[in-house]
């Protein structure tokens, strides 16, 4: 269980850094600024979703023969739902233009790294 949490934390930090870099790039291009979307919120959200994702993948690994595929589908569906919520009910105007690419980069890193890093260890406790 400790390894699962550590993988989630590490992937969360990596995807958070990538999300923050993309955030700064997008606000430089678009000129938008947001109160709710900032580097701290991106990092915290990335760590939380990747820790939960690592737990989900660890459970799937015990229960199914195709944990990687099912995890990828779950992660993509969650990212799409979050993106749709930002478009349908934006907490701030134009926030979806910046948050949706961040969702995409975080979920991509999660789908690639969590299964790879949890596969390296033979036993998941």
Protein backbone atom coordinates (compact mmCIF):
# COMPACT_ATOMS: atom_id res chain seq x y z
CA UNK A 1 0.00 0.00 0.00
CA UNK A 2 2.85 2.39 0.79
CA UNK A 3 4.37 1.84 -2.66
CA UNK A 4 1.00 2.61 -4.26
CA UNK A 5 0.71 5.90 -2.36
CA UNK A 6 4.30 6.84 -3.21
CA UNK A 7 3.76 6.14 -6.91
CA UNK A 8 0.61 8.27 -6.84
CA UNK A 9 2.47 11.06 -5.08
CA UNK A 10 5.41 10.99 -7.50
CA UNK A 11 3.19 10.88 -10.58
CA UNK A 12 1.07 13.67 -9.06
CA UNK A 13 4.11 15.88 -8.59
CA UNK A 14 5.38 15.20 -12.11
CA UNK A 15 2.00 15.80 -13.72
CA UNK A 16 1.49 18.85 -11.50
CA UNK A 17 4.76 20.37 -12.70
CA UNK A 18 3.79 19.67 -16.31
CA UNK A 19 0.33 21.15 -15.69
CA UNK A 20 1.80 24.28 -14.10
CA UNK A 21 4.21 24.73 -17.01
CA UNK A 22 1.30 24.40 -19.45
CA UNK A 23 -0.73 26.81 -17.30
CA UNK A 24 1.94 29.49 -17.54
CA UNK A 25 2.28 28.93 -21.27
CA UNK A 26 -1.47 29.20 -21.84
CA UNK A 27 -1.97 32.31 -19.72
CA UNK A 28 0.97 33.93 -21.54
CA UNK A 29 -0.67 33.14 -24.88
CA UNK A 30 -4.27 33.94 -23.94
CA UNK A 31 -3.74 36.71 -21.39
CA UNK A 32 -6.40 35.22 -19.09
CA UNK A 33 -6.01 35.27 -15.31
CA UNK A 34 -8.06 33.28 -12.82
CA UNK A 35 -8.60 33.33 -9.07
CA UNK A 36 -9.48 29.65 -8.74
CA UNK A 37 -6.96 28.23 -11.21
CA UNK A 38 -3.41 28.77 -10.02
CA UNK A 39 -0.22 26.74 -9.57
CA UNK A 40 -1.15 25.62 -6.04
CA UNK A 41 -4.60 24.37 -7.09
CA UNK A 42 -3.09 22.56 -10.08
CA UNK A 43 -0.46 20.82 -7.94
CA UNK A 44 -2.89 19.83 -5.17
CA UNK A 45 -5.45 18.49 -7.66
CA UNK A 46 -2.78 16.57 -9.58
CA UNK A 47 -1.47 14.90 -6.43
CA UNK A 48 -4.95 13.97 -5.18
CA UNK A 49 -6.20 12.52 -8.48
CA UNK A 50 -2.99 10.56 -9.06
CA UNK A 51 -3.00 9.07 -5.54
CA UNK A 52 -6.60 7.98 -6.12
CA UNK A 53 -5.63 6.76 -9.59
CA UNK A 54 -2.80 4.66 -8.18
CA UNK A 55 -5.19 3.06 -5.69
CA UNK A 56 -7.69 2.33 -8.45
CA UNK A 57 -4.99 0.80 -10.64
CA UNK A 58 -3.69 -1.33 -7.77
CA UNK A 59 -7.21 -2.69 -7.15
CA UNK A 60 -7.77 -3.30 -10.88
CA UNK A 61 -4.48 -5.13 -11.09
CA UNK A 62 -5.74 -7.66 -8.54
CA UNK A 63 -9.20 -8.03 -10.05
CA UNK A 64 -8.81 -8.05 -13.85
CA UNK A 65 -6.55 -9.26 -16.60
CA UNK A 66 -6.53 -5.85 -18.33
CA UNK A 67 -5.95 -3.30 -15.58
CA UNK A 68 -4.05 -0.87 -17.82
CA UNK A 69 -6.86 -0.61 -20.38
CA UNK A 70 -9.59 -0.24 -17.78
CA UNK A 71 -7.55 2.33 -15.85
CA UNK A 72 -6.97 4.33 -19.03
CA UNK A 73 -10.69 4.32 -19.80
CA UNK A 74 -11.60 5.41 -16.27
CA UNK A 75 -8.97 8.18 -16.27
CA UNK A 76 -10.04 9.50 -19.69
CA UNK A 77 -13.73 9.47 -18.75
CA UNK A 78 -13.04 11.38 -15.51
CA UNK A 79 -10.88 13.95 -17.36
CA UNK A 80 -13.57 14.38 -20.02
CA UNK A 81 -16.26 14.87 -17.39
CA UNK A 82 -14.15 17.48 -15.60
CA UNK A 83 -13.53 19.25 -18.90
CA UNK A 84 -17.24 19.20 -19.78
CA UNK A 85 -18.06 20.67 -16.37
CA UNK A 86 -15.61 23.52 -17.00
CA UNK A 87 -17.30 24.26 -20.32
CA UNK A 88 -20.90 23.80 -19.15
CA UNK A 89 -20.62 25.50 -15.75
CA UNK A 90 -17.45 27.60 -15.74
CA UNK A 91 -16.58 29.00 -12.31
CA UNK A 92 -14.86 31.87 -14.14
CA UNK A 93 -15.21 33.06 -17.74
CA UNK A 94 -12.86 31.32 -20.20
CA UNK A 95 -11.45 28.95 -17.57
CA UNK A 96 -12.13 25.94 -19.78
CA UNK A 97 -9.73 27.27 -22.40
CA UNK A 98 -6.87 26.87 -19.94
CA UNK A 99 -8.02 24.06 -17.64
CA UNK A 100 -8.97 21.55 -20.32
CA UNK A 101 -5.48 21.23 -21.83
CA UNK A 102 -4.17 20.87 -18.26
CA UNK A 103 -6.63 18.01 -17.68
CA UNK A 104 -5.32 16.38 -20.85
CA UNK A 105 -1.65 16.57 -19.86
CA UNK A 106 -2.29 15.33 -16.30
CA UNK A 107 -4.36 12.35 -17.46
CA UNK A 108 -1.84 11.44 -20.15
CA UNK A 109 1.04 11.37 -17.67
CA UNK A 110 -1.10 9.39 -15.23
CA UNK A 111 -2.06 6.76 -17.83
CA UNK A 112 1.56 6.29 -18.84
CA UNK A 113 3.39 6.37 -15.51
CA UNK A 114 1.10 4.78 -12.92
CA UNK A 115 0.81 1.38 -14.63
CA UNK A 116 4.50 1.39 -15.53
CA UNK A 117 5.72 2.24 -12.03
CA UNK A 118 3.31 -0.06 -10.21
CA UNK A 119 4.20 -2.92 -12.55
CA UNK A 120 7.87 -2.74 -11.55
CA UNK A 121 7.08 -4.09 -8.09
CA UNK A 122 5.86 -7.68 -8.09
CA UNK A 123 3.67 -7.46 -5.01
CA UNK A 124 1.13 -4.78 -4.22
CA UNK A 125 0.06 -4.75 -0.59
